[in-house]
Amino acid sequence: MSYFENCMYFSVNQLARHLNSIADEAFKPLDITPTQGFALISIGDLNKHTPSEIASELEMTPSTITRFLDRLEKLGYIERKYLGRNTEINLTEKGKHTLVKVSECWGKIHDVNVKVFSEELAKTITNKTVKANKLFKEKNK
């Protein structure tokens, strides 16, 4: 067994690189990143309409979300409405159409994961990862 196989940091990042490669390939036709796809889901399906709500939902910094929103606005997927000091984010018609394509991309990614791992193992890995992230958050406050 390799030294690196005993290292959680290395192993998790190696898996993340594999998953990122699959996700990047699935999202290539949309000209957005998978995480920008999550931002569209947050806005369209989860009804998060301020940059801070989107940042909180995705557990990302507001500055990162702002860059994502800039890109999505440039592509015509979202529109910003300025209400005094607040900003409201909404999908455009093009964004609503793209949201359907985003769901299709996640379906393709799921299919590849199931092909590699099996449905049961993919679900187990996901559930264990979610639990690990929650535990890490709780213990590192």
C-alpha atoms as a PDB file:
ATOM      1  CA  MET A   1       0.000   0.000   0.000  1.00  0.00           C
ATOM      2  CA  SER A   2       1.317   3.404  -1.001  1.00  0.00           C
ATOM      3  CA  TYR A   3       2.036   6.092   1.567  1.00  0.00           C
ATOM      4  CA  PHE A   4      -0.557   8.273  -0.117  1.00  0.00           C
ATOM      5  CA  GLU A   5      -3.289   5.648   0.208  1.00  0.00           C
ATOM      6  CA  ASN A   6      -3.151   6.180   3.962  1.00  0.00           C
ATOM      7  CA  CYS A   7      -3.669   9.929   3.630  1.00  0.00           C
ATOM      8  CA  MET A   8      -7.258  11.201   3.749  1.00  0.00           C
ATOM      9  CA  TYR A   9      -6.267  14.559   2.267  1.00  0.00           C
ATOM     10  CA  PHE A  10      -4.594  12.966  -0.760  1.00  0.00           C
ATOM     11  CA  SER A  11      -7.332  10.368  -1.283  1.00  0.00           C
ATOM     12  CA  VAL A  12     -10.220  12.818  -1.060  1.00  0.00           C
ATOM     13  CA  ASN A  13      -8.520  15.273  -3.401  1.00  0.00           C
ATOM     14  CA  GLN A  14      -7.670  12.540  -5.866  1.00  0.00           C
ATOM     15  CA  LEU A  15     -11.332  11.473  -5.961  1.00  0.00           C
ATOM     16  CA  ALA A  16     -12.385  15.125  -6.265  1.00  0.00           C
ATOM     17  CA  ARG A  17     -10.112  15.536  -9.301  1.00  0.00           C
ATOM     18  CA  HIS A  18     -11.717  12.495 -10.942  1.00  0.00           C
ATOM     19  CA  LEU A  19     -15.227  13.782 -10.191  1.00  0.00           C
ATOM     20  CA  ASN A  20     -14.319  17.293 -11.376  1.00  0.00           C
ATOM     21  CA  SER A  21     -13.103  15.869 -14.669  1.00  0.00           C
ATOM     22  CA  ILE A  22     -16.412  14.048 -15.193  1.00  0.00           C
ATOM     23  CA  ALA A  23     -18.438  17.120 -14.204  1.00  0.00           C
ATOM     24  CA  ASP A  24     -16.379  19.520 -16.338  1.00  0.00           C
ATOM     25  CA  GLU A  25     -16.934  17.289 -19.363  1.00  0.00           C
ATOM     26  CA  ALA A  26     -20.695  17.125 -18.722  1.00  0.00           C
ATOM     27  CA  PHE A  27     -20.967  20.914 -18.381  1.00  0.00           C
ATOM     28  CA  LYS A  28     -18.715  21.802 -21.321  1.00  0.00           C
ATOM     29  CA  PRO A  29     -21.639  22.273 -23.778  1.00  0.00           C
ATOM     30  CA  LEU A  30     -23.209  24.884 -21.471  1.00  0.00           C
ATOM     31  CA  ASP A  31     -20.003  26.940 -21.187  1.00  0.00           C
ATOM     32  CA  ILE A  32     -20.375  27.120 -17.403  1.00  0.00           C
ATOM     33  CA  THR A  33     -18.698  25.315 -14.546  1.00  0.00           C
ATOM     34  CA  PRO A  34     -20.505  22.696 -12.489  1.00  0.00           C
ATOM     35  CA  THR A  35     -20.502  25.067  -9.524  1.00  0.00           C
ATOM     36  CA  GLN A  36     -22.078  27.794 -11.644  1.00  0.00           C
ATOM     37  CA  GLY A  37     -24.689  25.159 -12.438  1.00  0.00           C
ATOM     38  CA  PHE A  38     -25.264  24.793  -8.695  1.00  0.00           C
ATOM     39  CA  ALA A  39     -25.741  28.571  -8.496  1.00  0.00           C
ATOM     40  CA  LEU A  40     -28.458  28.345 -11.166  1.00  0.00           C
ATOM     41  CA  ILE A  41     -30.129  25.543  -9.198  1.00  0.00           C
ATOM     42  CA  SER A  42     -29.931  27.642  -6.054  1.00  0.00           C
ATOM     43  CA  ILE A  43     -31.632  30.555  -7.796  1.00  0.00           C
ATOM     44  CA  GLY A  44     -34.186  28.613  -9.841  1.00  0.00           C
ATOM     45  CA  ASP A  45     -35.116  25.541  -7.829  1.00  0.00           C
ATOM     46  CA  LEU A  46     -34.261  26.601  -4.275  1.00  0.00           C
ATOM     47  CA  ASN A  47     -35.558  30.189  -4.586  1.00  0.00           C
ATOM     48  CA  LYS A  48     -32.399  31.859  -3.285  1.00  0.00           C
ATOM     49  CA  HIS A  49     -32.490  35.371  -4.703  1.00  0.00           C
ATOM     50  CA  THR A  50     -29.741  37.351  -3.003  1.00  0.00           C
ATOM     51  CA  PRO A  51     -26.006  36.843  -3.377  1.00  0.00           C
ATOM     52  CA  SER A  52     -25.714  36.170   0.363  1.00  0.00           C
ATOM     53  CA  GLU A  53     -28.456  33.477   0.235  1.00  0.00           C
ATOM     54  CA  ILE A  54     -26.729  31.825  -2.714  1.00  0.00           C
ATOM     55  CA  ALA A  55     -23.330  32.014  -0.985  1.00  0.00           C
ATOM     56  CA  SER A  56     -24.796  30.506   2.168  1.00  0.00           C
ATOM     57  CA  GLU A  57     -26.548  27.702   0.263  1.00  0.00           C
ATOM     58  CA  LEU A  58     -23.377  26.767  -1.608  1.00  0.00           C
ATOM     59  CA  GLU A  59     -21.120  27.428   1.406  1.00  0.00           C
ATOM     60  CA  MET A  60     -18.931  29.772  -0.610  1.00  0.00           C
ATOM     61  CA  THR A  61     -17.648  33.274  -0.066  1.00  0.00           C
ATOM     62  CA  PRO A  62     -19.743  36.186  -1.340  1.00  0.00           C
ATOM     63  CA  SER A  63     -16.851  37.335  -3.561  1.00  0.00           C
ATOM     64  CA  THR A  64     -16.744  33.936  -5.299  1.00  0.00           C
ATOM     65  CA  ILE A  65     -20.513  34.002  -5.790  1.00  0.00           C
ATOM     66  CA  THR A  66     -20.265  37.508  -7.219  1.00  0.00           C
ATOM     67  CA  ARG A  67     -17.807  36.262  -9.863  1.00  0.00           C
ATOM     68  CA  PHE A  68     -20.160  33.374 -10.691  1.00  0.00           C
ATOM     69  CA  LEU A  69     -23.103  35.745 -10.955  1.00  0.00           C
ATOM     70  CA  ASP A  70     -21.095  38.085 -13.200  1.00  0.00           C
ATOM     71  CA  ARG A  71     -20.452  35.177 -15.584  1.00  0.00           C
ATOM     72  CA  LEU A  72     -24.060  33.954 -15.493  1.00  0.00           C
ATOM     73  CA  GLU A  73     -25.330  37.477 -16.141  1.00  0.00           C
ATOM     74  CA  LYS A  74     -22.901  37.923 -19.044  1.00  0.00           C
ATOM     75  CA  LEU A  75     -24.254  34.695 -20.576  1.00  0.00           C
ATOM     76  CA  GLY A  76     -27.823  35.983 -20.153  1.00  0.00           C
ATOM     77  CA  TYR A  77     -28.892  33.308 -17.618  1.00  0.00           C
ATOM     78  CA  ILE A  78     -29.677  35.681 -14.759  1.00  0.00           C
ATOM     79  CA  GLU A  79     -30.644  39.275 -14.202  1.00  0.00           C
ATOM     80  CA  ARG A  80     -29.873  41.465 -11.235  1.00  0.00           C
ATOM     81  CA  LYS A  81     -32.403  43.866  -9.815  1.00  0.00           C
ATOM     82  CA  TYR A  82     -30.969  46.526  -7.516  1.00  0.00           C
ATOM     83  CA  LEU A  83     -33.227  47.411  -4.601  1.00  0.00           C
ATOM     84  CA  GLY A  84     -31.412  50.087  -2.657  1.00  0.00           C
ATOM     85  CA  ARG A  85     -28.463  48.396  -0.978  1.00  0.00           C
ATOM     86  CA  ASN A  86     -29.776  44.928  -1.817  1.00  0.00           C
ATOM     87  CA  THR A  87     -29.576  42.932  -5.011  1.00  0.00           C
ATOM     88  CA  GLU A  88     -32.177  40.434  -6.167  1.00  0.00           C
ATOM     89  CA  ILE A  89     -31.107  37.694  -8.560  1.00  0.00           C
ATOM     90  CA  ASN A  90     -33.581  35.982 -10.898  1.00  0.00           C
ATOM     91  CA  LEU A  91     -33.343  33.599 -13.817  1.00  0.00           C
ATOM     92  CA  THR A  92     -34.066  34.940 -17.277  1.00  0.00           C
ATOM     93  CA  GLU A  93     -36.054  32.854 -19.749  1.00  0.00           C
ATOM     94  CA  LYS A  94     -32.723  31.677 -21.157  1.00  0.00           C
ATOM     95  CA  GLY A  95     -31.654  30.804 -17.608  1.00  0.00           C
ATOM     96  CA  LYS A  96     -34.826  28.778 -17.015  1.00  0.00           C
ATOM     97  CA  HIS A  97     -34.167  26.847 -20.226  1.00  0.00           C
ATOM     98  CA  THR A  98     -30.541  26.306 -19.190  1.00  0.00           C
ATOM     99  CA  LEU A  99     -31.642  25.083 -15.752  1.00  0.00           C
ATOM    100  CA  VAL A 100     -33.279  22.112 -17.497  1.00  0.00           C
ATOM    101  CA  LYS A 101     -29.963  21.420 -19.244  1.00  0.00           C
ATOM    102  CA  VAL A 102     -28.131  21.715 -15.902  1.00  0.00           C
ATOM    103  CA  SER A 103     -30.343  18.946 -14.521  1.00  0.00           C
ATOM    104  CA  GLU A 104     -29.495  16.838 -17.571  1.00  0.00           C
ATOM    105  CA  CYS A 105     -25.775  17.401 -16.897  1.00  0.00           C
ATOM    106  CA  TRP A 106     -26.156  16.192 -13.308  1.00  0.00           C
ATOM    107  CA  GLY A 107     -27.999  13.156 -14.664  1.00  0.00           C
ATOM    108  CA  LYS A 108     -25.043  12.368 -16.950  1.00  0.00           C
ATOM    109  CA  ILE A 109     -22.645  12.745 -14.037  1.00  0.00           C
ATOM    110  CA  HIS A 110     -24.803  10.448 -11.919  1.00  0.00           C
ATOM    111  CA  ASP A 111     -24.850   7.854 -14.699  1.00  0.00           C
ATOM    112  CA  VAL A 112     -21.042   7.855 -14.920  1.00  0.00           C
ATOM    113  CA  ASN A 113     -20.717   7.586 -11.140  1.00  0.00           C
ATOM    114  CA  VAL A 114     -23.123   4.643 -11.045  1.00  0.00           C
ATOM    115  CA  LYS A 115     -21.246   2.988 -13.910  1.00  0.00           C
ATOM    116  CA  VAL A 116     -17.970   3.343 -11.997  1.00  0.00           C
ATOM    117  CA  PHE A 117     -19.164   2.661  -8.457  1.00  0.00           C
ATOM    118  CA  SER A 118     -22.656   1.083  -8.665  1.00  0.00           C
ATOM    119  CA  GLU A 119     -25.796   2.848  -7.437  1.00  0.00           C
ATOM    120  CA  GLU A 120     -25.374   1.603  -3.877  1.00  0.00           C
ATOM    121  CA  LEU A 121     -21.698   2.497  -3.515  1.00  0.00           C
ATOM    122  CA  ALA A 122     -22.204   5.932  -5.130  1.00  0.00           C
ATOM    123  CA  LYS A 123     -24.991   6.626  -2.630  1.00  0.00           C
ATOM    124  CA  THR A 124     -22.845   5.386   0.274  1.00  0.00           C
ATOM    125  CA  ILE A 125     -19.865   7.533  -0.743  1.00  0.00           C
ATOM    126  CA  THR A 126     -22.110  10.580  -1.068  1.00  0.00           C
ATOM    127  CA  ASN A 127     -23.826  10.001   2.284  1.00  0.00           C
ATOM    128  CA  LYS A 128     -20.520   9.390   4.094  1.00  0.00           C
ATOM    129  CA  THR A 129     -19.017  12.503   2.523  1.00  0.00           C
ATOM    130  CA  VAL A 130     -22.013  14.628   3.590  1.00  0.00           C
ATOM    131  CA  LYS A 131     -21.704  13.283   7.150  1.00  0.00           C
ATOM    132  CA  ALA A 132     -17.948  13.933   7.176  1.00  0.00           C
ATOM    133  CA  ASN A 133     -18.471  17.518   5.983  1.00  0.00           C
ATOM    134  CA  LYS A 134     -21.112  18.140   8.672  1.00  0.00           C
ATOM    135  CA  LEU A 135     -18.908  16.664  11.370  1.00  0.00           C
ATOM    136  CA  PHE A 136     -15.954  18.730  10.214  1.00  0.00           C
ATOM    137  CA  LYS A 137     -18.070  21.900  10.291  1.00  0.00           C
ATOM    138  CA  GLU A 138     -19.366  21.124  13.797  1.00  0.00           C
ATOM    139  CA  LYS A 139     -15.918  20.361  15.206  1.00  0.00           C
ATOM    140  CA  ASN A 140     -14.149  23.302  13.540  1.00  0.00           C
ATOM    141  CA  LYS A 141     -16.361  26.189  14.580  1.00  0.00           C
END
